[in-house]
Amino acid sequence: MQTITLGSNGPQVPTLGIGTWAWGDTLFWNYGKEYGAEQVRGAFFAALDAGVNFFDTAEIYGLGESERLIGQFMKEADRPVQIATKYFPLPWRFSAQAVVDALTASLKRLQVDHVALYQVHWPFDFLMSQQTLINALADEVEKGRIGAIGVSNYSADKMRQAHKFLADRGIPLAVNQMNYSLLNRQIETNGVLDAARELGITILAYSPLAQGLLTGKYTPDSSPSLTGARKLDPRFSQKGLEKISPLIKALQQIGDAHQRTPAQVALNWLIAQGGVIPIPGAKTANQAQQNAGALGWSLSPDEVTQLDEISHSCR
């Protein structure tokens, strides 16, 4: 299994993870209607069978249900599992004790005494300063309840600030989790990717398949009925699908050459960027198996360049 270090000296994890926003979420992903606990349990164990044992969750995913499900599944598993979860800086959380309490609650739902990675979900300050927040997280590293500290959706400047606060405590910032895919390459131009490489920070790429657009399942001629969050995304409109059609065709052609799917090609392109871990979602065992097919092979430099160029023309 290909592995990567989180940040400069964090835990070793596979170069592919699983995002679990949809596990237990009824608001955006119709959990309990279109799929349920048995389906996501199948995804969990299919991922483990494929060597993918890194799962990203958050306290707000399904209002804690995602963490609870993962905790149950880990109890059944006889293999090591590495968990990343997140703290949400809610307005009424204004002291370091709020971080302690939130982490304690997450660990209880997960039924573990520590997690590999604990991330700040959004760069909100409200009544708690970033320095207070970061110092509270550093305290938890020293207690052993967190293996590494990450942030999510942080700008280059905010990421540098968090990095500095942690450096003052002798702890590296390991991760910035960002929206990154062939259809969302903003971090390449807004300074985030450059700063991450300079500081040795790993990018966790969420929505790496652009909510399914890069799977090839959605085309101008044939598109499944839209549910959940996809109903709100203009990229799934007829016009949006026509715009990305050249990229989907390129993914299919390259995939055919490697006997891989468009989704596997899109995920492999992210891995090829270096210092990037895609964390696609998976609601079923089949989806988890398909995700894992992005590992064990590599795009050629020419194919990476080809996708770069077509991707830019489709934005």
Protein backbone atom coordinates (compact mmCIF):
# COMPACT_ATOMS: atom_id res chain seq x y z
CA MET A 1 0.00 0.00 0.00
CA GLN A 2 1.27 3.45 -0.95
CA THR A 3 1.59 5.63 2.14
CA ILE A 4 2.30 9.27 2.92
CA THR A 5 3.28 11.15 6.07
CA LEU A 6 0.83 13.74 7.34
CA GLY A 7 2.90 16.91 7.41
CA SER A 8 6.58 16.71 8.28
CA ASN A 9 6.45 14.07 11.02
CA GLY A 10 2.82 13.02 11.52
CA PRO A 11 1.24 9.59 11.22
CA GLN A 12 1.75 7.46 8.11
CA VAL A 13 -1.51 6.95 6.23
CA PRO A 14 -2.49 5.57 2.80
CA THR A 15 -2.26 8.00 -0.12
CA LEU A 16 -6.05 7.66 -0.38
CA GLY A 17 -8.64 8.09 2.35
CA ILE A 18 -12.41 7.93 2.65
CA GLY A 19 -14.54 10.98 3.41
CA THR A 20 -17.58 10.19 5.54
CA TRP A 21 -19.76 13.32 5.40
CA ALA A 22 -22.57 11.20 3.90
CA TRP A 23 -22.45 8.65 6.74
CA GLY A 24 -25.44 9.56 8.87
CA ASP A 25 -26.20 12.87 7.17
CA THR A 26 -29.89 13.28 6.39
CA LEU A 27 -29.82 16.96 5.39
CA PHE A 28 -27.65 16.81 2.26
CA TRP A 29 -27.19 13.13 1.48
CA ASN A 30 -30.53 11.45 2.25
CA TYR A 31 -29.06 8.97 4.70
CA GLY A 32 -31.80 6.64 5.90
CA LYS A 33 -33.74 6.92 2.64
CA GLU A 34 -31.49 6.01 -0.28
CA TYR A 35 -28.95 4.11 1.84
CA GLY A 36 -28.33 3.34 5.50
CA ALA A 37 -26.03 1.88 8.13
CA GLU A 38 -25.59 -1.50 6.39
CA GLN A 39 -24.47 0.17 3.17
CA VAL A 40 -21.89 2.42 4.83
CA ARG A 41 -20.74 -0.50 6.97
CA GLY A 42 -20.07 -2.32 3.71
CA ALA A 43 -18.10 0.68 2.47
CA PHE A 44 -16.03 0.71 5.67
CA PHE A 45 -15.01 -2.93 5.45
CA ALA A 46 -14.51 -2.88 1.68
CA ALA A 47 -12.10 0.02 2.16
CA LEU A 48 -10.19 -1.91 4.83
CA ASP A 49 -10.05 -4.98 2.60
CA ALA A 50 -8.48 -2.80 -0.10
CA GLY A 51 -5.88 -1.44 2.33
CA VAL A 52 -7.52 1.97 2.76
CA ASN A 53 -7.76 2.44 6.53
CA PHE A 54 -7.80 6.25 6.77
CA PHE A 55 -11.25 7.76 7.39
CA ASP A 56 -12.08 11.46 7.63
CA THR A 57 -15.12 12.51 9.66
CA ALA A 58 -16.31 15.46 11.75
CA GLU A 59 -18.43 16.12 14.80
CA ILE A 60 -21.07 17.87 12.67
CA TYR A 61 -21.43 15.10 10.08
CA GLY A 62 -24.90 13.78 10.81
CA LEU A 63 -24.69 15.65 14.14
CA GLY A 64 -22.23 13.06 15.39
CA GLU A 65 -23.76 10.05 13.67
CA SER A 66 -20.80 9.64 11.31
CA GLU A 67 -18.43 9.35 14.27
CA ARG A 68 -20.81 6.96 16.06
CA LEU A 69 -21.04 4.68 13.02
CA ILE A 70 -17.27 4.61 12.58
CA GLY A 71 -16.87 3.83 16.27
CA GLN A 72 -19.21 0.85 15.92
CA PHE A 73 -17.47 -0.41 12.80
CA MET A 74 -14.02 -0.13 14.37
CA LYS A 75 -15.16 -2.31 17.27
CA GLU A 76 -16.03 -5.03 14.74
CA ALA A 77 -12.77 -4.68 12.80
CA ASP A 78 -9.68 -6.65 13.69
CA ARG A 79 -7.36 -4.31 11.81
CA PRO A 80 -5.81 -0.93 12.61
CA VAL A 81 -7.85 2.09 11.56
CA GLN A 82 -6.68 5.72 11.43
CA ILE A 83 -9.22 8.42 12.05
CA ALA A 84 -9.24 12.12 11.24
CA THR A 85 -12.04 14.17 12.73
CA LYS A 86 -12.80 17.88 13.11
CA TYR A 87 -13.65 20.55 15.64
CA PHE A 88 -16.24 23.13 14.57
CA PRO A 89 -15.58 26.64 15.98
CA LEU A 90 -19.17 27.45 16.94
CA PRO A 91 -19.85 31.02 18.15
CA TRP A 92 -20.55 29.96 21.74
CA ARG A 93 -17.27 28.09 22.04
CA PHE A 94 -15.11 30.82 23.51
CA SER A 95 -12.57 29.08 25.78
CA ALA A 96 -9.91 26.42 25.53
CA GLN A 97 -12.15 24.13 27.58
CA ALA A 98 -14.58 24.03 24.64
CA VAL A 99 -11.87 22.33 22.56
CA VAL A 100 -11.22 19.82 25.34
CA ASP A 101 -14.94 19.06 25.64
CA ALA A 102 -15.51 18.75 21.89
CA LEU A 103 -12.59 16.37 21.47
CA THR A 104 -13.73 14.32 24.46
CA ALA A 105 -17.19 13.98 22.92
CA SER A 106 -15.75 12.94 19.55
CA LEU A 107 -13.49 10.34 21.16
CA LYS A 108 -16.48 8.96 23.08
CA ARG A 109 -18.55 8.61 19.90
CA LEU A 110 -15.59 7.00 18.12
CA GLN A 111 -14.91 4.73 21.14
CA VAL A 112 -11.18 5.49 21.09
CA ASP A 113 -8.77 7.36 23.33
CA HIS A 114 -6.95 9.22 20.55
CA VAL A 115 -7.20 10.11 16.84
CA ALA A 116 -4.49 10.33 14.21
CA LEU A 117 -5.56 13.82 13.10
CA TYR A 118 -7.75 16.55 14.60
CA GLN A 119 -8.67 19.45 12.35
CA VAL A 120 -10.29 22.87 12.71
CA HIS A 121 -13.24 22.68 10.34
CA TRP A 122 -13.41 26.35 9.33
CA PRO A 123 -11.22 29.40 10.09
CA PHE A 124 -13.83 31.16 12.21
CA ASP A 125 -12.71 33.30 15.13
CA PHE A 126 -15.95 34.50 16.79
CA LEU A 127 -15.19 34.78 20.52
CA MET A 128 -12.13 32.49 20.58
CA SER A 129 -8.91 33.73 19.00
CA GLN A 130 -6.94 31.48 16.66
CA GLN A 131 -4.03 31.53 19.09
CA THR A 132 -6.20 30.27 21.97
CA LEU A 133 -7.64 27.57 19.72
CA ILE A 134 -4.27 26.45 18.38
CA ASN A 135 -2.72 26.36 21.86
CA ALA A 136 -5.62 24.22 23.09
CA LEU A 137 -4.98 21.78 20.24
CA ALA A 138 -1.25 21.75 21.03
CA ASP A 139 -2.10 20.83 24.62
CA GLU A 140 -4.03 17.83 23.32
CA VAL A 141 -1.05 16.68 21.25
CA GLU A 142 1.03 16.78 24.40
CA LYS A 143 -1.63 14.77 26.24
CA GLY A 144 -1.53 12.14 23.49
CA ARG A 145 -5.15 12.47 22.44
CA ILE A 146 -4.21 13.88 19.00
CA GLY A 147 -1.49 12.50 16.75
CA ALA A 148 -1.34 15.56 14.49
CA ILE A 149 -3.10 18.91 14.07
CA GLY A 150 -4.77 20.05 10.88
CA VAL A 151 -6.94 22.87 9.62
CA SER A 152 -9.57 22.94 6.91
CA ASN A 153 -10.62 25.62 4.41
CA TYR A 154 -7.81 27.92 5.61
CA SER A 155 -6.41 30.58 3.27
CA ALA A 156 -2.65 30.78 2.75
CA ASP A 157 -2.38 33.61 5.29
CA LYS A 158 -4.51 31.85 7.89
CA MET A 159 -2.57 28.64 7.35
CA ARG A 160 0.74 30.48 7.85
CA GLN A 161 -0.60 32.01 11.04
CA ALA A 162 -1.68 28.63 12.42
CA HIS A 163 1.68 27.17 11.41
CA LYS A 164 3.50 29.92 13.33
CA PHE A 165 1.40 29.50 16.48
CA LEU A 166 2.14 25.76 16.45
CA ALA A 167 5.83 26.28 15.68
CA ASP A 168 6.04 28.35 18.86
CA ARG A 169 4.96 25.19 20.69
CA GLY A 170 7.37 22.99 18.74
CA ILE A 171 4.55 21.23 16.86
CA PRO A 172 4.16 21.21 13.06
CA LEU A 173 0.90 21.94 11.29
CA ALA A 174 0.26 18.68 9.44
CA VAL A 175 -2.73 19.27 7.16
CA ASN A 176 -4.95 21.76 5.40
CA GLN A 177 -8.10 20.10 4.08
CA MET A 178 -9.32 21.86 0.94
CA ASN A 179 -11.73 21.42 -1.94
CA TYR A 180 -9.41 20.21 -4.71
CA SER A 181 -10.09 18.32 -7.93
CA LEU A 182 -9.68 18.60 -11.68
CA LEU A 183 -12.77 20.83 -11.58
CA ASN A 184 -11.72 22.92 -8.59
CA ARG A 185 -8.08 24.01 -8.75
CA GLN A 186 -8.37 27.27 -6.83
CA ILE A 187 -5.68 26.29 -4.31
CA GLU A 188 -3.14 26.29 -7.15
CA THR A 189 -3.69 30.00 -7.79
CA ASN A 190 -4.61 31.49 -4.40
CA GLY A 191 -1.34 30.62 -2.68
CA VAL A 192 -2.59 27.72 -0.55
CA LEU A 193 -0.81 24.94 -2.44
CA ASP A 194 2.45 26.88 -2.72
CA ALA A 195 2.40 27.72 1.01
CA ALA A 196 1.59 24.12 1.92
CA ARG A 197 4.57 22.85 -0.07
CA GLU A 198 6.84 25.49 1.42
CA LEU A 199 5.79 24.62 4.99
CA GLY A 200 5.59 20.84 4.55
CA ILE A 201 1.81 20.72 5.03
CA THR A 202 -0.19 17.91 3.44
CA ILE A 203 -3.34 18.76 1.48
CA LEU A 204 -6.35 16.55 2.15
CA ALA A 205 -8.45 16.96 -0.99
CA TYR A 206 -12.15 16.80 -0.24
CA SER A 207 -14.71 16.51 -3.04
CA PRO A 208 -11.94 15.07 -5.27
CA LEU A 209 -14.54 13.74 -7.72
CA ALA A 210 -16.53 17.00 -7.67
CA GLN A 211 -19.54 15.26 -6.07
CA GLY A 212 -19.52 12.63 -8.80
CA LEU A 213 -19.05 14.85 -11.86
CA LEU A 214 -15.68 13.23 -12.58
CA THR A 215 -17.05 9.68 -12.48
CA GLY A 216 -18.45 9.94 -16.01
CA LYS A 217 -21.92 9.06 -14.70
CA TYR A 218 -23.28 12.54 -15.45
CA THR A 219 -23.28 13.56 -19.13
CA PRO A 220 -25.34 15.97 -21.26
CA ASP A 221 -27.00 12.99 -22.93
CA SER A 222 -27.59 10.78 -19.91
CA SER A 223 -27.71 11.94 -16.32
CA PRO A 224 -29.23 10.24 -13.26
CA SER A 225 -31.91 12.13 -11.37
CA LEU A 226 -30.33 14.57 -8.96
CA THR A 227 -30.80 14.26 -5.21
CA GLY A 228 -29.41 15.97 -2.13
CA ALA A 229 -26.68 18.57 -2.54
CA ARG A 230 -26.38 17.95 -6.29
CA LYS A 231 -29.74 19.65 -6.85
CA LEU A 232 -28.15 22.92 -5.75
CA ASP A 233 -25.00 22.67 -7.88
CA PRO A 234 -25.19 24.44 -11.28
CA ARG A 235 -22.40 22.24 -12.61
CA PHE A 236 -24.97 19.44 -12.87
CA SER A 237 -27.16 21.48 -15.24
CA GLN A 238 -27.23 20.71 -18.96
CA LYS A 239 -24.98 23.70 -19.64
CA GLY A 240 -22.60 22.72 -16.87
CA LEU A 241 -22.31 19.14 -18.10
CA GLU A 242 -21.67 20.29 -21.67
CA LYS A 243 -18.84 22.51 -20.43
CA ILE A 244 -16.94 19.66 -18.76
CA SER A 245 -17.64 17.09 -21.49
CA PRO A 246 -14.09 17.31 -23.01
CA LEU A 247 -12.54 16.52 -19.63
CA ILE A 248 -14.83 13.55 -19.06
CA LYS A 249 -13.93 12.18 -22.50
CA ALA A 250 -10.22 12.54 -21.72
CA LEU A 251 -10.66 10.72 -18.40
CA GLN A 252 -12.47 7.91 -20.21
CA GLN A 253 -9.78 7.61 -22.90
CA ILE A 254 -6.92 7.60 -20.41
CA GLY A 255 -8.84 5.20 -18.21
CA ASP A 256 -9.33 2.80 -21.11
CA ALA A 257 -5.57 2.80 -21.72
CA HIS A 258 -4.95 1.77 -18.11
CA GLN A 259 -8.07 -0.38 -17.68
CA ARG A 260 -9.31 2.10 -15.08
CA THR A 261 -12.46 4.16 -14.62
CA PRO A 262 -12.65 7.95 -15.10
CA ALA A 263 -12.98 8.35 -11.33
CA GLN A 264 -9.84 6.32 -10.70
CA VAL A 265 -7.95 8.46 -13.21
CA ALA A 266 -9.18 11.67 -11.55
CA LEU A 267 -8.06 10.44 -8.12
CA ASN A 268 -4.70 9.28 -9.48
CA TRP A 269 -4.16 12.75 -10.97
CA LEU A 270 -4.49 14.24 -7.48
CA ILE A 271 -2.05 11.73 -6.00
CA ALA A 272 0.38 12.62 -8.81
CA GLN A 273 0.49 16.22 -7.53
CA GLY A 274 2.54 15.10 -4.53
CA GLY A 275 1.70 15.91 -0.92
CA VAL A 276 -2.02 15.48 -1.68
CA ILE A 277 -4.36 12.83 -0.28
CA PRO A 278 -7.77 12.58 -1.97
CA ILE A 279 -10.60 11.60 0.38
CA PRO A 280 -13.55 10.65 -1.85
CA GLY A 281 -16.81 9.64 -0.26
CA ALA A 282 -18.18 6.11 -0.40
CA LYS A 283 -21.71 5.10 0.57
CA THR A 284 -21.41 1.45 -0.52
CA ALA A 285 -18.87 -1.35 -0.71
CA ASN A 286 -18.72 -1.03 -4.48
CA GLN A 287 -17.91 2.68 -4.30
CA ALA A 288 -15.14 2.03 -1.76
CA GLN A 289 -13.68 -0.68 -4.00
CA GLN A 290 -13.85 1.64 -7.00
CA ASN A 291 -12.03 4.38 -5.08
CA ALA A 292 -9.25 1.98 -4.13
CA GLY A 293 -8.67 1.30 -7.83
CA ALA A 294 -6.90 4.68 -7.95
CA LEU A 295 -3.96 3.03 -6.17
CA GLY A 296 -1.24 0.70 -7.42
CA TRP A 297 -0.54 2.44 -10.72
CA SER A 298 0.46 5.88 -12.03
CA LEU A 299 -0.46 8.25 -14.82
CA SER A 300 2.38 9.11 -17.18
CA PRO A 301 3.77 12.67 -17.06
CA ASP A 302 2.19 13.30 -20.48
CA GLU A 303 -1.20 12.15 -19.24
CA VAL A 304 -0.94 14.38 -16.18
CA THR A 305 -0.12 17.32 -18.46
CA GLN A 306 -2.97 16.48 -20.82
CA LEU A 307 -5.48 16.49 -17.96
CA ASP A 308 -3.99 19.74 -16.63
CA GLU A 309 -4.57 21.48 -19.92
CA ILE A 310 -8.06 20.15 -20.58
CA SER A 311 -9.09 20.87 -17.00
CA HIS A 312 -8.07 24.50 -17.31
CA SER A 313 -10.08 24.88 -20.51
CA CYS A 314 -13.21 23.47 -18.83
CA ARG A 315 -13.32 25.92 -15.93
